[in-house]
Amino acid sequence: MKLLAAVAVACLLGGCSSKSAEPATPDGTGPCADSKYPYEASFAAGLVKTSGDKKNKVKLVDALPAPPAYGPNKWTIQILDPNDKPLSGVTGIQVHPFMPNHGHGQNPTFAEVGTMDAQGTCVVDKLNFGMAGVWRITIAVNGQTVEDLTSTGTQFAFCIDG
């Protein structure tokens, strides 16, 4: 509770902004210009990332809206093994959106994950990017961790325009 209060105070004092009219660009301008953390220079469906522990990959099949944007988002993801085949035996999927520059995530902490089909594909709903800036989305399967910088899960990072 104290952490939540501290984040709220920091946002009220100008540490966070809920909207921005500036473009989201990796060239030193826009809402992510002061980011200490890297993010994807552009969005494209089909983007594949390897997990921190190298045990699986996650493919971002589709995003609504595309590119990811301020407000509610819905993604379709595919969980793959290291050889790009659908990963079998997945016992749980967690999707954790987090703003590394601000030290907080969304509320509720995790997005909703639908049932995975035989191809390793599922829908992630209620990704709520509630302010402009860099968002790092960690997708953890089979007990991988979601801690921001030490995650064993798979991480995507995007600059969200306000």
N, C-alpha and C. Protein backbone atom coordinates (compact mmCIF):
# COMPACT_ATOMS: atom_id res chain seq x y z
N MET A 1 0.82 -1.19 0.00
CA MET A 1 0.00 0.00 0.00
C MET A 1 0.87 1.26 0.00
N LYS A 2 1.98 1.22 0.77
CA LYS A 2 2.87 2.37 0.81
C LYS A 2 3.49 2.62 -0.56
N LEU A 3 3.85 1.52 -1.27
CA LEU A 3 4.42 1.65 -2.61
C LEU A 3 3.42 2.30 -3.55
N LEU A 4 2.16 1.86 -3.49
CA LEU A 4 1.12 2.44 -4.34
C LEU A 4 0.95 3.92 -4.05
N ALA A 5 0.97 4.29 -2.78
CA ALA A 5 0.84 5.70 -2.41
C ALA A 5 2.03 6.50 -2.93
N ALA A 6 3.23 5.94 -2.84
CA ALA A 6 4.43 6.63 -3.33
C ALA A 6 4.37 6.85 -4.83
N VAL A 7 3.90 5.84 -5.57
CA VAL A 7 3.76 5.97 -7.02
C VAL A 7 2.74 7.05 -7.35
N ALA A 8 1.63 7.06 -6.62
CA ALA A 8 0.59 8.07 -6.87
C ALA A 8 1.12 9.47 -6.61
N VAL A 9 1.87 9.65 -5.53
CA VAL A 9 2.44 10.96 -5.22
C VAL A 9 3.43 11.38 -6.30
N ALA A 10 4.28 10.45 -6.74
CA ALA A 10 5.26 10.76 -7.78
C ALA A 10 4.56 11.17 -9.07
N CYS A 11 3.47 10.49 -9.41
CA CYS A 11 2.73 10.85 -10.62
C CYS A 11 2.09 12.22 -10.49
N LEU A 12 1.54 12.51 -9.31
CA LEU A 12 0.93 13.82 -9.10
C LEU A 12 1.95 14.94 -9.16
N LEU A 13 3.17 14.68 -8.77
CA LEU A 13 4.20 15.69 -8.78
C LEU A 13 4.90 15.81 -10.13
N GLY A 14 4.39 15.09 -11.12
CA GLY A 14 4.93 15.26 -12.47
C GLY A 14 5.84 14.14 -12.94
N GLY A 15 6.01 13.09 -12.15
CA GLY A 15 6.87 12.00 -12.55
C GLY A 15 6.28 11.14 -13.64
N CYS A 16 4.96 11.16 -13.80
CA CYS A 16 4.27 10.38 -14.81
C CYS A 16 3.32 11.30 -15.56
N SER A 17 3.10 11.03 -16.81
CA SER A 17 2.10 11.78 -17.56
C SER A 17 1.14 10.78 -18.17
N SER A 18 -0.14 11.10 -18.18
CA SER A 18 -1.11 10.15 -18.69
C SER A 18 -1.34 10.30 -20.18
N LYS A 19 -0.99 11.41 -20.75
CA LYS A 19 -1.19 11.63 -22.18
C LYS A 19 0.00 12.40 -22.74
N SER A 20 0.24 12.23 -24.01
CA SER A 20 1.28 12.98 -24.69
C SER A 20 0.90 13.11 -26.14
N ALA A 21 1.10 14.29 -26.70
CA ALA A 21 0.83 14.48 -28.11
C ALA A 21 2.08 14.26 -28.95
N GLU A 22 3.18 13.99 -28.30
CA GLU A 22 4.45 13.82 -29.01
C GLU A 22 4.50 12.46 -29.70
N PRO A 23 5.18 12.36 -30.82
CA PRO A 23 5.30 11.06 -31.50
C PRO A 23 6.21 10.12 -30.71
N ALA A 24 5.95 8.82 -30.85
CA ALA A 24 6.77 7.80 -30.21
C ALA A 24 7.88 7.40 -31.17
N THR A 25 9.08 7.91 -30.96
CA THR A 25 10.18 7.59 -31.85
C THR A 25 11.42 7.25 -31.04
N PRO A 26 12.28 6.36 -31.56
CA PRO A 26 13.51 6.00 -30.86
C PRO A 26 14.67 6.95 -31.19
N ASP A 27 14.38 8.10 -31.82
CA ASP A 27 15.45 8.99 -32.27
C ASP A 27 15.70 10.18 -31.33
N GLY A 28 15.28 10.07 -30.09
CA GLY A 28 15.55 11.14 -29.15
C GLY A 28 14.41 12.12 -28.98
N THR A 29 13.24 11.86 -29.55
CA THR A 29 12.08 12.71 -29.37
C THR A 29 10.91 11.88 -28.89
N GLY A 30 9.86 12.53 -28.43
CA GLY A 30 8.63 11.85 -28.05
C GLY A 30 8.62 11.38 -26.61
N PRO A 31 7.56 10.66 -26.22
CA PRO A 31 7.37 10.28 -24.82
C PRO A 31 8.40 9.29 -24.29
N CYS A 32 9.22 8.71 -25.15
CA CYS A 32 10.22 7.74 -24.71
C CYS A 32 11.64 8.25 -24.86
N ALA A 33 11.78 9.54 -25.14
CA ALA A 33 13.11 10.13 -25.40
C ALA A 33 14.05 9.96 -24.22
N ASP A 34 13.52 10.01 -23.00
CA ASP A 34 14.39 9.92 -21.81
C ASP A 34 14.48 8.50 -21.25
N SER A 35 14.02 7.52 -21.99
CA SER A 35 14.03 6.14 -21.51
C SER A 35 15.45 5.62 -21.31
N LYS A 36 15.66 5.00 -20.15
CA LYS A 36 16.93 4.34 -19.87
C LYS A 36 16.90 2.91 -20.40
N TYR A 37 15.76 2.49 -20.90
CA TYR A 37 15.56 1.10 -21.30
C TYR A 37 15.27 1.01 -22.80
N PRO A 38 15.82 0.03 -23.47
CA PRO A 38 15.58 -0.11 -24.91
C PRO A 38 14.16 -0.58 -25.20
N TYR A 39 13.71 -0.30 -26.41
CA TYR A 39 12.41 -0.76 -26.87
C TYR A 39 12.47 -0.98 -28.37
N GLU A 40 11.48 -1.69 -28.90
CA GLU A 40 11.45 -2.00 -30.32
C GLU A 40 11.35 -0.70 -31.12
N ALA A 41 12.15 -0.56 -32.16
CA ALA A 41 12.12 0.64 -33.00
C ALA A 41 10.84 0.73 -33.81
N SER A 42 10.24 -0.41 -34.11
CA SER A 42 8.99 -0.42 -34.85
C SER A 42 8.22 -1.69 -34.52
N PHE A 43 6.94 -1.70 -34.83
CA PHE A 43 6.10 -2.86 -34.58
C PHE A 43 5.82 -3.59 -35.89
N ALA A 44 5.86 -4.90 -35.84
CA ALA A 44 5.45 -5.73 -36.97
C ALA A 44 4.89 -7.03 -36.43
N ALA A 45 3.72 -7.41 -36.89
CA ALA A 45 3.18 -8.72 -36.52
C ALA A 45 4.19 -9.78 -36.92
N GLY A 46 4.32 -10.80 -36.11
CA GLY A 46 5.28 -11.86 -36.39
C GLY A 46 6.59 -11.73 -35.63
N LEU A 47 6.74 -10.64 -34.87
CA LEU A 47 7.95 -10.44 -34.07
C LEU A 47 8.13 -11.60 -33.09
N VAL A 48 9.32 -12.19 -33.06
CA VAL A 48 9.62 -13.33 -32.19
C VAL A 48 10.76 -12.95 -31.25
N LYS A 49 10.58 -13.28 -29.97
CA LYS A 49 11.62 -13.04 -28.96
C LYS A 49 11.89 -14.33 -28.20
N THR A 50 13.13 -14.50 -27.77
CA THR A 50 13.55 -15.66 -26.99
C THR A 50 13.47 -15.32 -25.51
N SER A 51 13.06 -16.30 -24.70
CA SER A 51 12.96 -16.08 -23.26
C SER A 51 14.34 -15.88 -22.64
N GLY A 52 14.35 -15.26 -21.46
CA GLY A 52 15.60 -15.00 -20.76
C GLY A 52 16.35 -16.28 -20.41
N ASP A 53 15.62 -17.38 -20.16
CA ASP A 53 16.28 -18.64 -19.83
C ASP A 53 16.51 -19.53 -21.06
N LYS A 54 16.17 -19.01 -22.25
CA LYS A 54 16.40 -19.69 -23.54
C LYS A 54 15.59 -20.98 -23.71
N LYS A 55 14.55 -21.19 -22.88
CA LYS A 55 13.77 -22.42 -22.96
C LYS A 55 12.61 -22.35 -23.93
N ASN A 56 12.24 -21.15 -24.36
CA ASN A 56 11.13 -21.01 -25.29
C ASN A 56 11.22 -19.66 -26.00
N LYS A 57 10.35 -19.49 -26.97
CA LYS A 57 10.19 -18.22 -27.69
C LYS A 57 8.73 -17.84 -27.64
N VAL A 58 8.47 -16.55 -27.85
CA VAL A 58 7.10 -16.08 -27.99
C VAL A 58 7.01 -15.27 -29.27
N LYS A 59 5.99 -15.59 -30.05
CA LYS A 59 5.73 -14.86 -31.29
C LYS A 59 4.51 -13.97 -31.08
N LEU A 60 4.66 -12.69 -31.39
CA LEU A 60 3.55 -11.76 -31.34
C LEU A 60 2.83 -11.85 -32.68
N VAL A 61 1.78 -12.66 -32.71
CA VAL A 61 1.07 -12.96 -33.95
C VAL A 61 0.27 -11.76 -34.44
N ASP A 62 -0.41 -11.10 -33.51
CA ASP A 62 -1.28 -9.98 -33.88
C ASP A 62 -1.46 -9.08 -32.66
N ALA A 63 -1.76 -7.83 -32.91
CA ALA A 63 -2.04 -6.87 -31.85
C ALA A 63 -3.18 -5.97 -32.30
N LEU A 64 -4.12 -5.74 -31.40
CA LEU A 64 -5.22 -4.81 -31.64
C LEU A 64 -5.22 -3.78 -30.52
N PRO A 65 -4.96 -2.55 -30.78
CA PRO A 65 -4.58 -1.98 -32.07
C PRO A 65 -3.14 -2.33 -32.43
N ALA A 66 -2.80 -2.09 -33.67
CA ALA A 66 -1.43 -2.31 -34.15
C ALA A 66 -0.94 -1.00 -34.78
N PRO A 67 0.16 -0.49 -34.33
CA PRO A 67 1.01 -0.98 -33.24
C PRO A 67 0.31 -0.80 -31.90
N PRO A 68 0.84 -1.46 -30.83
CA PRO A 68 0.26 -1.28 -29.50
C PRO A 68 0.14 0.21 -29.17
N ALA A 69 -0.95 0.58 -28.48
CA ALA A 69 -1.25 1.99 -28.26
C ALA A 69 -1.82 2.24 -26.87
N TYR A 70 -1.93 3.50 -26.54
CA TYR A 70 -2.52 3.95 -25.28
C TYR A 70 -3.91 3.35 -25.12
N GLY A 71 -4.21 2.86 -23.91
CA GLY A 71 -5.52 2.30 -23.62
C GLY A 71 -5.53 0.78 -23.70
N PRO A 72 -6.73 0.19 -23.83
CA PRO A 72 -6.84 -1.27 -23.86
C PRO A 72 -6.27 -1.86 -25.15
N ASN A 73 -5.57 -2.97 -25.00
CA ASN A 73 -4.96 -3.70 -26.13
C ASN A 73 -5.27 -5.18 -25.98
N LYS A 74 -5.27 -5.88 -27.11
CA LYS A 74 -5.46 -7.33 -27.13
C LYS A 74 -4.42 -7.91 -28.08
N TRP A 75 -3.67 -8.90 -27.60
CA TRP A 75 -2.64 -9.54 -28.41
C TRP A 75 -2.99 -11.00 -28.64
N THR A 76 -2.55 -11.52 -29.77
CA THR A 76 -2.54 -12.96 -30.01
C THR A 76 -1.07 -13.36 -30.02
N ILE A 77 -0.73 -14.32 -29.17
CA ILE A 77 0.66 -14.78 -29.07
C ILE A 77 0.74 -16.28 -29.35
N GLN A 78 1.93 -16.72 -29.71
CA GLN A 78 2.18 -18.15 -29.90
C GLN A 78 3.42 -18.51 -29.09
N ILE A 79 3.31 -19.55 -28.28
CA ILE A 79 4.43 -20.02 -27.46
C ILE A 79 5.14 -21.13 -28.24
N LEU A 80 6.44 -20.93 -28.47
CA LEU A 80 7.23 -21.85 -29.29
C LEU A 80 8.38 -22.45 -28.49
N ASP A 81 8.85 -23.62 -28.90
CA ASP A 81 10.06 -24.18 -28.30
C ASP A 81 11.28 -23.51 -28.97
N PRO A 82 12.49 -23.81 -28.52
CA PRO A 82 13.67 -23.17 -29.12
C PRO A 82 13.85 -23.44 -30.62
N ASN A 83 13.17 -24.48 -31.13
CA ASN A 83 13.27 -24.83 -32.56
C ASN A 83 12.08 -24.32 -33.37
N ASP A 84 11.33 -23.37 -32.81
CA ASP A 84 10.19 -22.72 -33.47
C ASP A 84 8.99 -23.62 -33.70
N LYS A 85 8.85 -24.67 -32.91
CA LYS A 85 7.68 -25.54 -32.95
C LYS A 85 6.79 -25.18 -31.76
N PRO A 86 5.45 -25.37 -31.86
CA PRO A 86 4.59 -25.08 -30.72
C PRO A 86 5.07 -25.80 -29.46
N LEU A 87 5.17 -25.09 -28.35
CA LEU A 87 5.65 -25.66 -27.10
C LEU A 87 4.55 -26.49 -26.46
N SER A 88 4.86 -27.74 -26.15
CA SER A 88 3.88 -28.60 -25.50
C SER A 88 4.12 -28.59 -24.00
N GLY A 89 3.11 -28.95 -23.26
CA GLY A 89 3.24 -29.06 -21.81
C GLY A 89 3.26 -27.74 -21.06
N VAL A 90 2.67 -26.70 -21.63
CA VAL A 90 2.62 -25.41 -20.94
C VAL A 90 1.63 -25.52 -19.78
N THR A 91 2.10 -25.22 -18.58
CA THR A 91 1.26 -25.35 -17.39
C THR A 91 0.69 -24.03 -16.90
N GLY A 92 1.16 -22.95 -17.41
CA GLY A 92 0.63 -21.65 -17.01
C GLY A 92 1.32 -20.53 -17.78
N ILE A 93 0.54 -19.50 -18.09
CA ILE A 93 1.08 -18.35 -18.80
C ILE A 93 0.71 -17.11 -18.00
N GLN A 94 1.70 -16.25 -17.73
CA GLN A 94 1.46 -14.97 -17.09
C GLN A 94 1.96 -13.88 -18.03
N VAL A 95 1.19 -12.80 -18.13
CA VAL A 95 1.59 -11.66 -18.95
C VAL A 95 1.59 -10.44 -18.04
N HIS A 96 2.78 -9.85 -17.89
CA HIS A 96 2.99 -8.77 -16.93
C HIS A 96 3.47 -7.50 -17.62
N PRO A 97 2.59 -6.51 -17.83
CA PRO A 97 3.00 -5.23 -18.40
C PRO A 97 3.63 -4.35 -17.31
N PHE A 98 4.73 -3.68 -17.63
CA PHE A 98 5.47 -2.92 -16.63
C PHE A 98 6.16 -1.73 -17.30
N MET A 99 6.16 -0.59 -16.64
CA MET A 99 6.86 0.60 -17.13
C MET A 99 8.19 0.72 -16.37
N PRO A 100 9.29 0.28 -16.97
CA PRO A 100 10.57 0.27 -16.24
C PRO A 100 11.06 1.66 -15.84
N ASN A 101 10.79 2.67 -16.63
CA ASN A 101 11.24 4.03 -16.28
C ASN A 101 10.48 4.60 -15.09
N HIS A 102 9.27 4.10 -14.88
CA HIS A 102 8.43 4.62 -13.80
C HIS A 102 8.35 3.70 -12.60
N GLY A 103 8.73 2.44 -12.78
CA GLY A 103 8.72 1.48 -11.67
C GLY A 103 7.35 0.95 -11.30
N HIS A 104 6.42 0.95 -12.24
CA HIS A 104 5.09 0.39 -11.95
C HIS A 104 4.51 -0.27 -13.19
N GLY A 105 3.49 -1.06 -12.95
CA GLY A 105 2.81 -1.75 -14.05
C GLY A 105 1.38 -1.30 -14.16
N GLN A 106 0.58 -2.15 -14.74
CA GLN A 106 -0.85 -1.85 -14.86
C GLN A 106 -1.58 -2.38 -13.63
N ASN A 107 -2.84 -2.00 -13.48
CA ASN A 107 -3.68 -2.52 -12.42
C ASN A 107 -4.94 -3.07 -13.07
N PRO A 108 -5.24 -4.37 -12.96
CA PRO A 108 -4.52 -5.39 -12.20
C PRO A 108 -3.15 -5.70 -12.81
N THR A 109 -2.30 -6.31 -12.00
CA THR A 109 -0.91 -6.54 -12.36
C THR A 109 -0.75 -7.36 -13.63
N PHE A 110 -1.55 -8.40 -13.80
CA PHE A 110 -1.40 -9.30 -14.94
C PHE A 110 -2.57 -9.15 -15.90
N ALA A 111 -2.30 -9.29 -17.20
CA ALA A 111 -3.34 -9.31 -18.22
C ALA A 111 -4.04 -10.67 -18.20
N GLU A 112 -5.19 -10.76 -18.84
CA GLU A 112 -5.93 -12.01 -18.91
C GLU A 112 -5.44 -12.83 -20.10
N VAL A 113 -5.22 -14.12 -19.88
CA VAL A 113 -4.73 -15.01 -20.93
C VAL A 113 -5.78 -16.08 -21.21
N GLY A 114 -6.15 -16.22 -22.48
CA GLY A 114 -7.12 -17.22 -22.88
C GLY A 114 -6.49 -18.60 -22.99
N THR A 115 -7.31 -19.58 -23.35
CA THR A 115 -6.87 -20.96 -23.48
C THR A 115 -5.96 -21.11 -24.70
N MET A 116 -4.87 -21.84 -24.53
CA MET A 116 -3.94 -22.09 -25.62
C MET A 116 -4.44 -23.24 -26.48
N ASP A 117 -4.35 -23.06 -27.82
CA ASP A 117 -4.77 -24.12 -28.73
C ASP A 117 -3.59 -25.06 -29.03
N ALA A 118 -3.82 -26.05 -29.89
CA ALA A 118 -2.79 -27.05 -30.21
C ALA A 118 -1.58 -26.46 -30.91
N GLN A 119 -1.72 -25.28 -31.51
CA GLN A 119 -0.60 -24.62 -32.18
C GLN A 119 0.17 -23.69 -31.24
N GLY A 120 -0.19 -23.71 -29.96
CA GLY A 120 0.51 -22.87 -28.98
C GLY A 120 0.07 -21.43 -28.99
N THR A 121 -1.09 -21.15 -29.60
CA THR A 121 -1.59 -19.79 -29.74
C THR A 121 -2.68 -19.50 -28.71
N CYS A 122 -2.65 -18.29 -28.17
CA CYS A 122 -3.69 -17.86 -27.25
C CYS A 122 -3.85 -16.34 -27.35
N VAL A 123 -4.96 -15.85 -26.82
CA VAL A 123 -5.27 -14.43 -26.83
C VAL A 123 -4.97 -13.85 -25.45
N VAL A 124 -4.30 -12.71 -25.45
CA VAL A 124 -4.02 -11.97 -24.22
C VAL A 124 -4.89 -10.73 -24.26
N ASP A 125 -5.76 -10.61 -23.28
CA ASP A 125 -6.70 -9.49 -23.23
C ASP A 125 -6.42 -8.64 -21.99
N LYS A 126 -6.96 -7.46 -22.01
CA LYS A 126 -6.85 -6.53 -20.89
C LYS A 126 -5.41 -6.10 -20.64
N LEU A 127 -4.65 -5.94 -21.72
CA LEU A 127 -3.37 -5.24 -21.64
C LEU A 127 -3.74 -3.78 -21.65
N ASN A 128 -3.55 -3.09 -20.55
CA ASN A 128 -3.98 -1.70 -20.48
C ASN A 128 -2.77 -0.78 -20.31
N PHE A 129 -2.37 -0.16 -21.41
CA PHE A 129 -1.27 0.78 -21.38
C PHE A 129 -1.85 2.15 -21.05
N GLY A 130 -1.90 2.46 -19.75
CA GLY A 130 -2.62 3.62 -19.25
C GLY A 130 -1.87 4.93 -19.28
N MET A 131 -0.68 4.95 -19.82
CA MET A 131 0.05 6.21 -19.97
C MET A 131 1.12 6.04 -21.04
N ALA A 132 1.57 7.18 -21.54
CA ALA A 132 2.61 7.17 -22.57
C ALA A 132 3.95 6.81 -21.95
N GLY A 133 4.79 6.15 -22.73
CA GLY A 133 6.13 5.79 -22.28
C GLY A 133 6.50 4.38 -22.70
N VAL A 134 7.66 3.93 -22.25
CA VAL A 134 8.12 2.57 -22.55
C VAL A 134 7.38 1.58 -21.65
N TRP A 135 6.80 0.59 -22.28
CA TRP A 135 6.16 -0.52 -21.57
C TRP A 135 6.91 -1.79 -21.93
N ARG A 136 7.33 -2.55 -20.91
CA ARG A 136 7.96 -3.85 -21.12
C ARG A 136 6.94 -4.90 -20.71
N ILE A 137 6.61 -5.79 -21.65
CA ILE A 137 5.62 -6.83 -21.41
C ILE A 137 6.35 -8.15 -21.32
N THR A 138 6.29 -8.77 -20.13
CA THR A 138 6.95 -10.05 -19.91
C THR A 138 5.92 -11.17 -19.99
N ILE A 139 6.23 -12.17 -20.78
CA ILE A 139 5.36 -13.34 -20.92
C ILE A 139 6.13 -14.52 -20.34
N ALA A 140 5.59 -15.07 -19.25
CA ALA A 140 6.25 -16.16 -18.53
C ALA A 140 5.41 -17.43 -18.64
N VAL A 141 6.07 -18.55 -18.93
CA VAL A 141 5.40 -19.85 -19.00
C VAL A 141 6.11 -20.84 -18.09
N ASN A 142 5.37 -21.82 -17.63
CA ASN A 142 5.94 -22.92 -16.85
C ASN A 142 6.81 -22.46 -15.68
N GLY A 143 6.35 -21.44 -14.97
CA GLY A 143 7.06 -21.00 -13.77
C GLY A 143 8.19 -20.02 -13.99
N GLN A 144 8.37 -19.52 -15.22
CA GLN A 144 9.39 -18.50 -15.44
C GLN A 144 9.04 -17.26 -14.61
N THR A 145 10.04 -16.46 -14.31
CA THR A 145 9.82 -15.27 -13.48
C THR A 145 9.47 -14.06 -14.34
N VAL A 146 8.78 -13.09 -13.73
CA VAL A 146 8.37 -11.89 -14.45
C VAL A 146 9.06 -10.63 -13.93
N GLU A 147 9.98 -10.76 -12.96
CA GLU A 147 10.66 -9.59 -12.45
C GLU A 147 11.27 -8.84 -13.61
N ASP A 148 11.18 -7.53 -13.58
CA ASP A 148 11.48 -6.72 -14.75
C ASP A 148 12.84 -6.99 -15.38
N LEU A 149 13.92 -6.76 -14.70
CA LEU A 149 15.23 -6.86 -15.34
C LEU A 149 15.90 -8.22 -15.18
N THR A 150 15.34 -9.08 -14.34
CA THR A 150 15.94 -10.40 -14.12
C THR A 150 15.02 -11.52 -14.58
N SER A 151 14.05 -11.20 -15.40
CA SER A 151 13.06 -12.17 -15.83
C SER A 151 13.68 -13.32 -16.61
N THR A 152 13.14 -14.53 -16.37
CA THR A 152 13.48 -15.66 -17.21
C THR A 152 12.44 -15.83 -18.32
N GLY A 153 11.39 -15.01 -18.28
CA GLY A 153 10.36 -15.02 -19.31
C GLY A 153 10.81 -14.27 -20.56
N THR A 154 9.87 -14.11 -21.48
CA THR A 154 10.14 -13.44 -22.75
C THR A 154 9.65 -12.00 -22.66
N GLN A 155 10.48 -11.06 -23.10
CA GLN A 155 10.12 -9.65 -22.96
C GLN A 155 10.03 -8.93 -24.30
N PHE A 156 8.93 -8.20 -24.45
CA PHE A 156 8.74 -7.27 -25.56
C PHE A 156 8.69 -5.88 -24.95
N ALA A 157 9.20 -4.88 -25.62
CA ALA A 157 9.14 -3.52 -25.13
C ALA A 157 8.75 -2.58 -26.26
N PHE A 158 7.77 -1.73 -25.98
CA PHE A 158 7.27 -0.79 -26.97
C PHE A 158 7.14 0.59 -26.35
N CYS A 159 7.32 1.61 -27.17
CA CYS A 159 7.05 2.98 -26.77
C CYS A 159 5.57 3.23 -27.08
N ILE A 160 4.80 3.51 -26.06
CA ILE A 160 3.36 3.77 -26.23
C ILE A 160 3.16 5.27 -26.28
N ASP A 161 2.55 5.72 -27.34
CA ASP A 161 2.25 7.13 -27.52
C ASP A 161 0.95 7.43 -26.79
N GLY A 162 0.81 8.64 -26.28
CA GLY A 162 -0.38 9.01 -25.52
C GLY A 162 -1.43 9.51 -26.34
